[in-house]
Protein backbone atom coordinates (compact mmCIF):
# COMPACT_ATOMS: atom_id res chain seq x y z
CA UNK A 1 0.00 0.00 0.00
CA UNK A 2 1.19 3.52 -0.79
CA UNK A 3 0.07 6.91 0.47
CA UNK A 4 -2.10 7.47 -2.63
CA UNK A 5 -4.07 4.30 -1.83
CA UNK A 6 -4.59 5.48 1.75
CA UNK A 7 -5.83 8.85 0.47
CA UNK A 8 -8.35 7.10 -1.79
CA UNK A 9 -9.61 4.93 1.06
CA UNK A 10 -10.09 7.79 3.52
CA UNK A 11 -11.78 10.02 0.93
CA UNK A 12 -15.10 8.46 2.04
CA UNK A 13 -16.08 9.19 5.63
CA UNK A 14 -17.06 5.70 6.77
CA UNK A 15 -14.51 3.56 4.91
CA UNK A 16 -12.23 2.99 7.91
CA UNK A 17 -15.19 2.25 10.20
CA UNK A 18 -16.61 -0.33 7.81
CA UNK A 19 -13.24 -2.04 7.41
CA UNK A 20 -12.58 -2.00 11.16
CA UNK A 21 -16.03 -3.46 11.87
CA UNK A 22 -15.41 -6.34 9.47
CA UNK A 23 -11.99 -6.91 11.01
CA UNK A 24 -13.70 -7.10 14.43
CA UNK A 25 -16.01 -9.86 13.19
CA UNK A 26 -19.17 -7.91 12.39
CA UNK A 27 -21.13 -9.82 9.71
CA UNK A 28 -20.93 -8.37 6.22
CA UNK A 29 -24.65 -7.66 6.05
CA UNK A 30 -25.62 -4.05 5.57
CA UNK A 31 -27.93 -3.95 8.60
CA UNK A 32 -25.19 -5.26 10.90
CA UNK A 33 -22.59 -2.86 9.52
CA UNK A 34 -24.96 0.10 9.76
CA UNK A 35 -25.59 -0.70 13.41
CA UNK A 36 -21.89 -1.15 14.14
CA UNK A 37 -20.73 2.07 12.46
CA UNK A 38 -23.64 4.38 13.21
CA UNK A 39 -23.47 5.82 9.69
CA UNK A 40 -26.45 7.22 7.83
CA UNK A 41 -27.75 4.99 5.04
CA UNK A 42 -26.67 7.36 2.27
CA UNK A 43 -23.14 7.92 3.59
CA UNK A 44 -22.79 4.21 4.37
CA UNK A 45 -23.84 3.19 0.84
CA UNK A 46 -21.34 5.63 -0.67
CA UNK A 47 -18.49 4.33 1.47
CA UNK A 48 -19.43 0.69 0.87
CA UNK A 49 -19.55 1.16 -2.89
CA UNK A 50 -16.24 3.00 -2.74
CA UNK A 51 -14.56 0.09 -0.95
CA UNK A 52 -15.92 -2.32 -3.58
CA UNK A 53 -14.51 -0.09 -6.35
CA UNK A 54 -11.12 -0.09 -4.62
CA UNK A 55 -11.10 -3.88 -4.53
CA UNK A 56 -11.19 -4.12 -0.73
CA UNK A 57 -14.70 -5.60 -0.52
CA UNK A 58 -16.65 -7.99 -2.69
CA UNK A 59 -20.05 -9.64 -2.65
CA UNK A 60 -20.10 -12.92 -0.79
CA UNK A 61 -21.51 -15.41 -3.32
CA UNK A 62 -24.30 -17.60 -2.04
CA UNK A 63 -25.06 -15.34 0.89
CA UNK A 64 -27.53 -12.56 1.40
CA UNK A 65 -30.46 -11.45 -0.75
CA UNK A 66 -30.17 -9.89 -4.23
CA UNK A 67 -31.51 -6.65 -2.81
CA UNK A 68 -29.59 -7.01 0.47
CA UNK A 69 -26.26 -8.56 -0.47
CA UNK A 70 -23.63 -9.68 1.99
CA UNK A 71 -20.06 -8.47 1.61
CA UNK A 72 -16.68 -9.87 2.58
CA UNK A 73 -13.11 -8.62 2.60
CA UNK A 74 -10.87 -9.40 -0.34
CA UNK A 75 -7.28 -10.54 0.35
CA UNK A 76 -6.16 -6.94 -0.11
CA UNK A 77 -9.00 -5.76 2.11
CA UNK A 78 -8.02 -8.09 4.95
CA UNK A 79 -4.68 -6.29 5.37
CA UNK A 80 -6.30 -2.85 5.24
CA UNK A 81 -9.09 -3.86 7.64
CA UNK A 82 -6.52 -4.85 10.26
CA UNK A 83 -4.86 -1.45 9.87
CA UNK A 84 -8.23 0.32 10.09
CA UNK A 85 -9.02 -1.54 13.29
CA UNK A 86 -5.71 -0.49 14.79
CA UNK A 87 -6.22 3.14 13.75
CA UNK A 88 -9.63 3.38 15.41
CA UNK A 89 -8.42 1.55 18.51
CA UNK A 90 -5.52 3.95 18.94
CA UNK A 91 -7.78 6.90 18.24
CA UNK A 92 -10.02 5.97 21.15
CA UNK A 93 -7.58 4.51 23.68
CA UNK A 94 -4.40 6.49 23.16
CA UNK A 95 -6.28 9.77 23.50
CA UNK A 96 -7.17 8.82 27.08
CA UNK A 97 -3.57 7.86 27.82
CA UNK A 98 -2.45 11.28 26.65
CA UNK A 99 -4.78 13.23 28.88
CA UNK A 100 -8.00 13.57 26.89
CA UNK A 101 -11.23 13.68 28.84
CA UNK A 102 -13.24 10.46 29.09
CA UNK A 103 -16.12 12.11 27.24
CA UNK A 104 -13.86 12.95 24.31
CA UNK A 105 -13.20 9.32 23.40
CA UNK A 106 -15.58 7.32 21.23
CA UNK A 107 -19.07 8.33 22.29
CA UNK A 108 -20.02 10.28 25.38
CA UNK A 109 -22.51 8.83 27.90
CA UNK A 110 -25.47 10.28 25.96
CA UNK A 111 -24.42 8.35 22.86
CA UNK A 112 -23.45 11.47 20.91
CA UNK A 113 -20.35 11.41 18.74
CA UNK A 114 -17.26 13.14 20.04
CA UNK A 115 -14.57 15.23 18.39
CA UNK A 116 -12.13 12.30 18.13
CA UNK A 117 -14.48 10.11 16.13
CA UNK A 118 -15.52 12.96 13.85
CA UNK A 119 -11.92 14.00 13.23
CA UNK A 120 -10.89 10.43 12.34
CA UNK A 121 -13.56 10.37 9.63
CA UNK A 122 -12.26 13.47 7.89
CA UNK A 123 -10.62 12.69 4.57
CA UNK A 124 -7.13 14.02 5.30
CA UNK A 125 -6.68 13.21 9.01
CA UNK A 126 -4.97 9.82 8.73
CA UNK A 127 -2.88 10.61 5.62
CA UNK A 128 -1.52 13.78 7.28
CA UNK A 129 -0.63 11.90 10.46
CA UNK A 130 1.18 9.26 8.39
CA UNK A 131 3.22 11.88 6.52
CA UNK A 132 3.96 13.75 9.77
CA UNK A 133 5.51 10.85 11.63
CA UNK A 134 8.67 12.90 11.10
CA UNK A 135 8.75 16.73 11.12
CA UNK A 136 7.46 18.25 7.88
CA UNK A 137 7.02 21.71 6.42
CA UNK A 138 3.69 22.72 4.91
CA UNK A 139 5.01 22.37 1.36
CA UNK A 140 6.39 18.88 2.05
CA UNK A 141 3.03 17.69 3.36
CA UNK A 142 1.22 19.20 0.38
CA UNK A 143 3.65 17.54 -2.02
CA UNK A 144 3.18 14.13 -0.41
CA UNK A 145 -0.61 14.38 -0.44
CA UNK A 146 -1.41 15.74 -3.88
CA UNK A 147 -4.05 16.73 -4.88
CA UNK A 148 -4.83 18.33 -1.49
CA UNK A 149 -5.50 22.05 -1.76
CA UNK A 150 -3.73 24.67 0.36
CA UNK A 151 -7.04 25.52 2.03
CA UNK A 152 -7.90 21.92 2.88
CA UNK A 153 -4.41 21.27 4.23
CA UNK A 154 -4.40 24.46 6.31
CA UNK A 155 -7.78 23.62 7.84
CA UNK A 156 -6.76 20.03 8.57
CA UNK A 157 -3.50 21.10 10.23
CA UNK A 158 -5.38 23.57 12.45
CA UNK A 159 -7.92 20.92 13.48
CA UNK A 160 -5.26 18.33 14.26
CA UNK A 161 -3.19 20.84 16.21
CA UNK A 162 -6.22 21.97 18.21
CA UNK A 163 -6.98 18.33 19.03
CA UNK A 164 -3.37 17.75 20.16
CA UNK A 165 -2.76 15.11 17.51
CA UNK A 166 -0.25 17.36 15.76
CA UNK A 167 2.57 19.49 17.19
CA UNK A 168 3.58 22.76 15.55
CA UNK A 169 7.06 24.17 16.10
CA UNK A 170 9.29 26.68 14.33
CA UNK A 171 12.26 25.58 12.26
CA UNK A 172 15.17 27.71 13.59
CA UNK A 173 17.33 26.90 10.57
CA UNK A 174 14.97 28.64 8.15
CA UNK A 175 14.79 32.39 7.57
CA UNK A 176 12.21 33.69 7.73
CA UNK A 177 11.11 31.08 10.29
CA UNK A 178 8.80 28.38 8.93
CA UNK A 179 6.54 26.08 10.95
CA UNK A 180 7.25 22.37 11.27
CA UNK A 181 4.48 19.85 11.89
CA UNK A 182 4.83 16.46 13.55
CA UNK A 183 2.26 13.92 14.78
CA UNK A 184 1.92 14.01 18.55
CA UNK A 185 0.14 12.14 21.35
CA UNK A 186 -2.54 9.87 19.85
CA UNK A 187 -1.65 11.17 16.39
CA UNK A 188 1.64 9.27 16.52
CA UNK A 189 -0.12 5.96 17.07
CA UNK A 190 -2.83 6.65 14.50
CA UNK A 191 -0.29 7.33 11.78
CA UNK A 192 2.14 4.59 12.79
CA UNK A 193 0.20 1.52 11.61
CA UNK A 194 -0.43 2.56 7.99
CA UNK A 195 2.91 4.35 7.94
CA UNK A 196 4.77 1.11 8.64
CA UNK A 197 3.00 -0.67 5.77
CA UNK A 198 3.72 2.23 3.41
CA UNK A 199 7.40 2.22 4.39
CA UNK A 200 7.64 -1.52 3.76
CA UNK A 201 6.13 -1.09 0.30
CA UNK A 202 8.52 1.76 -0.51
CA UNK A 203 11.57 -0.13 0.81
CA UNK A 204 11.03 -3.85 0.11
C-alpha atoms as a PDB file:
ATOM      1  CA  UNK A   1       0.000   0.000   0.000  1.00  0.00           C
ATOM      2  CA  UNK A   2       1.190   3.523  -0.790  1.00  0.00           C
ATOM      3  CA  UNK A   3       0.068   6.909   0.471  1.00  0.00           C
ATOM      4  CA  UNK A   4      -2.099   7.468  -2.629  1.00  0.00           C
ATOM      5  CA  UNK A   5      -4.072   4.300  -1.829  1.00  0.00           C
ATOM      6  CA  UNK A   6      -4.591   5.475   1.747  1.00  0.00           C
ATOM      7  CA  UNK A   7      -5.831   8.848   0.471  1.00  0.00           C
ATOM      8  CA  UNK A   8      -8.347   7.097  -1.789  1.00  0.00           C
ATOM      9  CA  UNK A   9      -9.610   4.929   1.064  1.00  0.00           C
ATOM     10  CA  UNK A  10     -10.089   7.794   3.518  1.00  0.00           C
ATOM     11  CA  UNK A  11     -11.778  10.021   0.928  1.00  0.00           C
ATOM     12  CA  UNK A  12     -15.097   8.465   2.043  1.00  0.00           C
ATOM     13  CA  UNK A  13     -16.082   9.195   5.632  1.00  0.00           C
ATOM     14  CA  UNK A  14     -17.065   5.699   6.769  1.00  0.00           C
ATOM     15  CA  UNK A  15     -14.509   3.563   4.914  1.00  0.00           C
ATOM     16  CA  UNK A  16     -12.233   2.989   7.912  1.00  0.00           C
ATOM     17  CA  UNK A  17     -15.191   2.254  10.199  1.00  0.00           C
ATOM     18  CA  UNK A  18     -16.614  -0.330   7.813  1.00  0.00           C
ATOM     19  CA  UNK A  19     -13.243  -2.038   7.413  1.00  0.00           C
ATOM     20  CA  UNK A  20     -12.579  -1.995  11.159  1.00  0.00           C
ATOM     21  CA  UNK A  21     -16.026  -3.458  11.867  1.00  0.00           C
ATOM     22  CA  UNK A  22     -15.412  -6.339   9.474  1.00  0.00           C
ATOM     23  CA  UNK A  23     -11.989  -6.909  11.015  1.00  0.00           C
ATOM     24  CA  UNK A  24     -13.701  -7.104  14.429  1.00  0.00           C
ATOM     25  CA  UNK A  25     -16.006  -9.860  13.195  1.00  0.00           C
ATOM     26  CA  UNK A  26     -19.172  -7.905  12.387  1.00  0.00           C
ATOM     27  CA  UNK A  27     -21.133  -9.822   9.713  1.00  0.00           C
ATOM     28  CA  UNK A  28     -20.927  -8.366   6.217  1.00  0.00           C
ATOM     29  CA  UNK A  29     -24.653  -7.662   6.049  1.00  0.00           C
ATOM     30  CA  UNK A  30     -25.616  -4.049   5.571  1.00  0.00           C
ATOM     31  CA  UNK A  31     -27.925  -3.946   8.602  1.00  0.00           C
ATOM     32  CA  UNK A  32     -25.189  -5.257  10.900  1.00  0.00           C
ATOM     33  CA  UNK A  33     -22.585  -2.862   9.519  1.00  0.00           C
ATOM     34  CA  UNK A  34     -24.957   0.097   9.757  1.00  0.00           C
ATOM     35  CA  UNK A  35     -25.592  -0.697  13.406  1.00  0.00           C
ATOM     36  CA  UNK A  36     -21.887  -1.149  14.140  1.00  0.00           C
ATOM     37  CA  UNK A  37     -20.735   2.067  12.456  1.00  0.00           C
ATOM     38  CA  UNK A  38     -23.638   4.378  13.214  1.00  0.00           C
ATOM     39  CA  UNK A  39     -23.469   5.815   9.694  1.00  0.00           C
ATOM     40  CA  UNK A  40     -26.447   7.217   7.828  1.00  0.00           C
ATOM     41  CA  UNK A  41     -27.754   4.987   5.040  1.00  0.00           C
ATOM     42  CA  UNK A  42     -26.669   7.358   2.274  1.00  0.00           C
ATOM     43  CA  UNK A  43     -23.139   7.919   3.587  1.00  0.00           C
ATOM     44  CA  UNK A  44     -22.795   4.214   4.370  1.00  0.00           C
ATOM     45  CA  UNK A  45     -23.841   3.187   0.844  1.00  0.00           C
ATOM     46  CA  UNK A  46     -21.340   5.627  -0.674  1.00  0.00           C
ATOM     47  CA  UNK A  47     -18.492   4.327   1.465  1.00  0.00           C
ATOM     48  CA  UNK A  48     -19.429   0.691   0.871  1.00  0.00           C
ATOM     49  CA  UNK A  49     -19.546   1.164  -2.893  1.00  0.00           C
ATOM     50  CA  UNK A  50     -16.237   3.004  -2.739  1.00  0.00           C
ATOM     51  CA  UNK A  51     -14.563   0.085  -0.948  1.00  0.00           C
ATOM     52  CA  UNK A  52     -15.915  -2.323  -3.576  1.00  0.00           C
ATOM     53  CA  UNK A  53     -14.512  -0.094  -6.346  1.00  0.00           C
ATOM     54  CA  UNK A  54     -11.120  -0.088  -4.624  1.00  0.00           C
ATOM     55  CA  UNK A  55     -11.104  -3.882  -4.532  1.00  0.00           C
ATOM     56  CA  UNK A  56     -11.194  -4.121  -0.733  1.00  0.00           C
ATOM     57  CA  UNK A  57     -14.696  -5.603  -0.517  1.00  0.00           C
ATOM     58  CA  UNK A  58     -16.651  -7.993  -2.688  1.00  0.00           C
ATOM     59  CA  UNK A  59     -20.049  -9.642  -2.651  1.00  0.00           C
ATOM     60  CA  UNK A  60     -20.101 -12.920  -0.795  1.00  0.00           C
ATOM     61  CA  UNK A  61     -21.512 -15.410  -3.325  1.00  0.00           C
ATOM     62  CA  UNK A  62     -24.302 -17.605  -2.043  1.00  0.00           C
ATOM     63  CA  UNK A  63     -25.061 -15.339   0.890  1.00  0.00           C
ATOM     64  CA  UNK A  64     -27.532 -12.559   1.404  1.00  0.00           C
ATOM     65  CA  UNK A  65     -30.464 -11.447  -0.745  1.00  0.00           C
ATOM     66  CA  UNK A  66     -30.167  -9.888  -4.231  1.00  0.00           C
ATOM     67  CA  UNK A  67     -31.515  -6.646  -2.805  1.00  0.00           C
ATOM     68  CA  UNK A  68     -29.595  -7.008   0.467  1.00  0.00           C
ATOM     69  CA  UNK A  69     -26.258  -8.562  -0.474  1.00  0.00           C
ATOM     70  CA  UNK A  70     -23.633  -9.678   1.993  1.00  0.00           C
ATOM     71  CA  UNK A  71     -20.059  -8.473   1.607  1.00  0.00           C
ATOM     72  CA  UNK A  72     -16.676  -9.875   2.577  1.00  0.00           C
ATOM     73  CA  UNK A  73     -13.115  -8.620   2.603  1.00  0.00           C
ATOM     74  CA  UNK A  74     -10.866  -9.397  -0.340  1.00  0.00           C
ATOM     75  CA  UNK A  75      -7.281 -10.543   0.347  1.00  0.00           C
ATOM     76  CA  UNK A  76      -6.159  -6.935  -0.115  1.00  0.00           C
ATOM     77  CA  UNK A  77      -9.002  -5.762   2.110  1.00  0.00           C
ATOM     78  CA  UNK A  78      -8.017  -8.091   4.955  1.00  0.00           C
ATOM     79  CA  UNK A  79      -4.683  -6.288   5.371  1.00  0.00           C
ATOM     80  CA  UNK A  80      -6.298  -2.848   5.241  1.00  0.00           C
ATOM     81  CA  UNK A  81      -9.090  -3.863   7.638  1.00  0.00           C
ATOM     82  CA  UNK A  82      -6.519  -4.847  10.260  1.00  0.00           C
ATOM     83  CA  UNK A  83      -4.859  -1.448   9.868  1.00  0.00           C
ATOM     84  CA  UNK A  84      -8.231   0.320  10.093  1.00  0.00           C
ATOM     85  CA  UNK A  85      -9.018  -1.544  13.287  1.00  0.00           C
ATOM     86  CA  UNK A  86      -5.713  -0.490  14.791  1.00  0.00           C
ATOM     87  CA  UNK A  87      -6.220   3.144  13.747  1.00  0.00           C
ATOM     88  CA  UNK A  88      -9.632   3.380  15.413  1.00  0.00           C
ATOM     89  CA  UNK A  89      -8.418   1.549  18.513  1.00  0.00           C
ATOM     90  CA  UNK A  90      -5.517   3.951  18.943  1.00  0.00           C
ATOM     91  CA  UNK A  91      -7.780   6.898  18.239  1.00  0.00           C
ATOM     92  CA  UNK A  92     -10.020   5.973  21.151  1.00  0.00           C
ATOM     93  CA  UNK A  93      -7.575   4.506  23.685  1.00  0.00           C
ATOM     94  CA  UNK A  94      -4.402   6.495  23.156  1.00  0.00           C
ATOM     95  CA  UNK A  95      -6.279   9.771  23.495  1.00  0.00           C
ATOM     96  CA  UNK A  96      -7.167   8.819  27.077  1.00  0.00           C
ATOM     97  CA  UNK A  97      -3.571   7.855  27.818  1.00  0.00           C
ATOM     98  CA  UNK A  98      -2.447  11.281  26.651  1.00  0.00           C
ATOM     99  CA  UNK A  99      -4.780  13.228  28.879  1.00  0.00           C
ATOM    100  CA  UNK A 100      -8.005  13.572  26.890  1.00  0.00           C
ATOM    101  CA  UNK A 101     -11.234  13.678  28.838  1.00  0.00           C
ATOM    102  CA  UNK A 102     -13.237  10.459  29.090  1.00  0.00           C
ATOM    103  CA  UNK A 103     -16.117  12.114  27.235  1.00  0.00           C
ATOM    104  CA  UNK A 104     -13.860  12.952  24.313  1.00  0.00           C
ATOM    105  CA  UNK A 105     -13.205   9.318  23.402  1.00  0.00           C
ATOM    106  CA  UNK A 106     -15.582   7.316  21.229  1.00  0.00           C
ATOM    107  CA  UNK A 107     -19.073   8.333  22.293  1.00  0.00           C
ATOM    108  CA  UNK A 108     -20.025  10.283  25.382  1.00  0.00           C
ATOM    109  CA  UNK A 109     -22.512   8.831  27.902  1.00  0.00           C
ATOM    110  CA  UNK A 110     -25.470  10.285  25.958  1.00  0.00           C
ATOM    111  CA  UNK A 111     -24.424   8.354  22.857  1.00  0.00           C
ATOM    112  CA  UNK A 112     -23.454  11.467  20.914  1.00  0.00           C
ATOM    113  CA  UNK A 113     -20.355  11.406  18.740  1.00  0.00           C
ATOM    114  CA  UNK A 114     -17.255  13.135  20.039  1.00  0.00           C
ATOM    115  CA  UNK A 115     -14.574  15.229  18.393  1.00  0.00           C
ATOM    116  CA  UNK A 116     -12.125  12.303  18.130  1.00  0.00           C
ATOM    117  CA  UNK A 117     -14.478  10.111  16.126  1.00  0.00           C
ATOM    118  CA  UNK A 118     -15.518  12.956  13.853  1.00  0.00           C
ATOM    119  CA  UNK A 119     -11.918  14.000  13.234  1.00  0.00           C
ATOM    120  CA  UNK A 120     -10.894  10.433  12.339  1.00  0.00           C
ATOM    121  CA  UNK A 121     -13.560  10.371   9.629  1.00  0.00           C
ATOM    122  CA  UNK A 122     -12.265  13.471   7.886  1.00  0.00           C
ATOM    123  CA  UNK A 123     -10.619  12.692   4.571  1.00  0.00           C
ATOM    124  CA  UNK A 124      -7.131  14.023   5.302  1.00  0.00           C
ATOM    125  CA  UNK A 125      -6.682  13.208   9.008  1.00  0.00           C
ATOM    126  CA  UNK A 126      -4.965   9.819   8.733  1.00  0.00           C
ATOM    127  CA  UNK A 127      -2.875  10.613   5.617  1.00  0.00           C
ATOM    128  CA  UNK A 128      -1.522  13.781   7.281  1.00  0.00           C
ATOM    129  CA  UNK A 129      -0.633  11.896  10.459  1.00  0.00           C
ATOM    130  CA  UNK A 130       1.175   9.256   8.386  1.00  0.00           C
ATOM    131  CA  UNK A 131       3.219  11.875   6.522  1.00  0.00           C
ATOM    132  CA  UNK A 132       3.957  13.750   9.765  1.00  0.00           C
ATOM    133  CA  UNK A 133       5.507  10.845  11.633  1.00  0.00           C
ATOM    134  CA  UNK A 134       8.666  12.904  11.104  1.00  0.00           C
ATOM    135  CA  UNK A 135       8.745  16.735  11.123  1.00  0.00           C
ATOM    136  CA  UNK A 136       7.460  18.247   7.875  1.00  0.00           C
ATOM    137  CA  UNK A 137       7.021  21.714   6.423  1.00  0.00           C
ATOM    138  CA  UNK A 138       3.692  22.721   4.905  1.00  0.00           C
ATOM    139  CA  UNK A 139       5.013  22.366   1.363  1.00  0.00           C
ATOM    140  CA  UNK A 140       6.391  18.882   2.051  1.00  0.00           C
ATOM    141  CA  UNK A 141       3.030  17.689   3.364  1.00  0.00           C
ATOM    142  CA  UNK A 142       1.225  19.200   0.381  1.00  0.00           C
ATOM    143  CA  UNK A 143       3.651  17.539  -2.024  1.00  0.00           C
ATOM    144  CA  UNK A 144       3.184  14.126  -0.408  1.00  0.00           C
ATOM    145  CA  UNK A 145      -0.605  14.381  -0.436  1.00  0.00           C
ATOM    146  CA  UNK A 146      -1.405  15.742  -3.881  1.00  0.00           C
ATOM    147  CA  UNK A 147      -4.048  16.733  -4.879  1.00  0.00           C
ATOM    148  CA  UNK A 148      -4.827  18.328  -1.485  1.00  0.00           C
ATOM    149  CA  UNK A 149      -5.503  22.054  -1.760  1.00  0.00           C
ATOM    150  CA  UNK A 150      -3.730  24.668   0.363  1.00  0.00           C
ATOM    151  CA  UNK A 151      -7.043  25.523   2.029  1.00  0.00           C
ATOM    152  CA  UNK A 152      -7.905  21.916   2.875  1.00  0.00           C
ATOM    153  CA  UNK A 153      -4.409  21.267   4.228  1.00  0.00           C
ATOM    154  CA  UNK A 154      -4.403  24.455   6.305  1.00  0.00           C
ATOM    155  CA  UNK A 155      -7.782  23.616   7.843  1.00  0.00           C
ATOM    156  CA  UNK A 156      -6.759  20.030   8.575  1.00  0.00           C
ATOM    157  CA  UNK A 157      -3.503  21.099  10.226  1.00  0.00           C
ATOM    158  CA  UNK A 158      -5.377  23.569  12.448  1.00  0.00           C
ATOM    159  CA  UNK A 159      -7.924  20.917  13.478  1.00  0.00           C
ATOM    160  CA  UNK A 160      -5.260  18.326  14.264  1.00  0.00           C
ATOM    161  CA  UNK A 161      -3.191  20.840  16.211  1.00  0.00           C
ATOM    162  CA  UNK A 162      -6.224  21.967  18.207  1.00  0.00           C
ATOM    163  CA  UNK A 163      -6.977  18.331  19.030  1.00  0.00           C
ATOM    164  CA  UNK A 164      -3.372  17.753  20.158  1.00  0.00           C
ATOM    165  CA  UNK A 165      -2.760  15.109  17.509  1.00  0.00           C
ATOM    166  CA  UNK A 166      -0.247  17.356  15.757  1.00  0.00           C
ATOM    167  CA  UNK A 167       2.571  19.486  17.186  1.00  0.00           C
ATOM    168  CA  UNK A 168       3.581  22.764  15.550  1.00  0.00           C
ATOM    169  CA  UNK A 169       7.063  24.168  16.099  1.00  0.00           C
ATOM    170  CA  UNK A 170       9.286  26.678  14.326  1.00  0.00           C
ATOM    171  CA  UNK A 171      12.258  25.583  12.259  1.00  0.00           C
ATOM    172  CA  UNK A 172      15.174  27.715  13.585  1.00  0.00           C
ATOM    173  CA  UNK A 173      17.329  26.897  10.570  1.00  0.00           C
ATOM    174  CA  UNK A 174      14.970  28.644   8.150  1.00  0.00           C
ATOM    175  CA  UNK A 175      14.791  32.394   7.565  1.00  0.00           C
ATOM    176  CA  UNK A 176      12.208  33.688   7.728  1.00  0.00           C
ATOM    177  CA  UNK A 177      11.108  31.078  10.289  1.00  0.00           C
ATOM    178  CA  UNK A 178       8.802  28.378   8.934  1.00  0.00           C
ATOM    179  CA  UNK A 179       6.544  26.076  10.952  1.00  0.00           C
ATOM    180  CA  UNK A 180       7.249  22.373  11.271  1.00  0.00           C
ATOM    181  CA  UNK A 181       4.482  19.851  11.887  1.00  0.00           C
ATOM    182  CA  UNK A 182       4.829  16.465  13.550  1.00  0.00           C
ATOM    183  CA  UNK A 183       2.263  13.917  14.779  1.00  0.00           C
ATOM    184  CA  UNK A 184       1.923  14.015  18.552  1.00  0.00           C
ATOM    185  CA  UNK A 185       0.140  12.144  21.353  1.00  0.00           C
ATOM    186  CA  UNK A 186      -2.538   9.872  19.851  1.00  0.00           C
ATOM    187  CA  UNK A 187      -1.645  11.173  16.394  1.00  0.00           C
ATOM    188  CA  UNK A 188       1.636   9.270  16.523  1.00  0.00           C
ATOM    189  CA  UNK A 189      -0.117   5.964  17.070  1.00  0.00           C
ATOM    190  CA  UNK A 190      -2.834   6.652  14.501  1.00  0.00           C
ATOM    191  CA  UNK A 191      -0.286   7.334  11.785  1.00  0.00           C
ATOM    192  CA  UNK A 192       2.140   4.594  12.786  1.00  0.00           C
ATOM    193  CA  UNK A 193       0.202   1.519  11.610  1.00  0.00           C
ATOM    194  CA  UNK A 194      -0.430   2.564   7.993  1.00  0.00           C
ATOM    195  CA  UNK A 195       2.909   4.354   7.943  1.00  0.00           C
ATOM    196  CA  UNK A 196       4.774   1.107   8.643  1.00  0.00           C
ATOM    197  CA  UNK A 197       3.003  -0.670   5.767  1.00  0.00           C
ATOM    198  CA  UNK A 198       3.716   2.233   3.414  1.00  0.00           C
ATOM    199  CA  UNK A 199       7.398   2.220   4.389  1.00  0.00           C
ATOM    200  CA  UNK A 200       7.637  -1.518   3.756  1.00  0.00           C
ATOM    201  CA  UNK A 201       6.128  -1.087   0.298  1.00  0.00           C
ATOM    202  CA  UNK A 202       8.516   1.760  -0.508  1.00  0.00           C
ATOM    203  CA  UNK A 203      11.567  -0.130   0.812  1.00  0.00           C
ATOM    204  CA  UNK A 204      11.027  -3.847   0.107  1.00  0.00           C
END
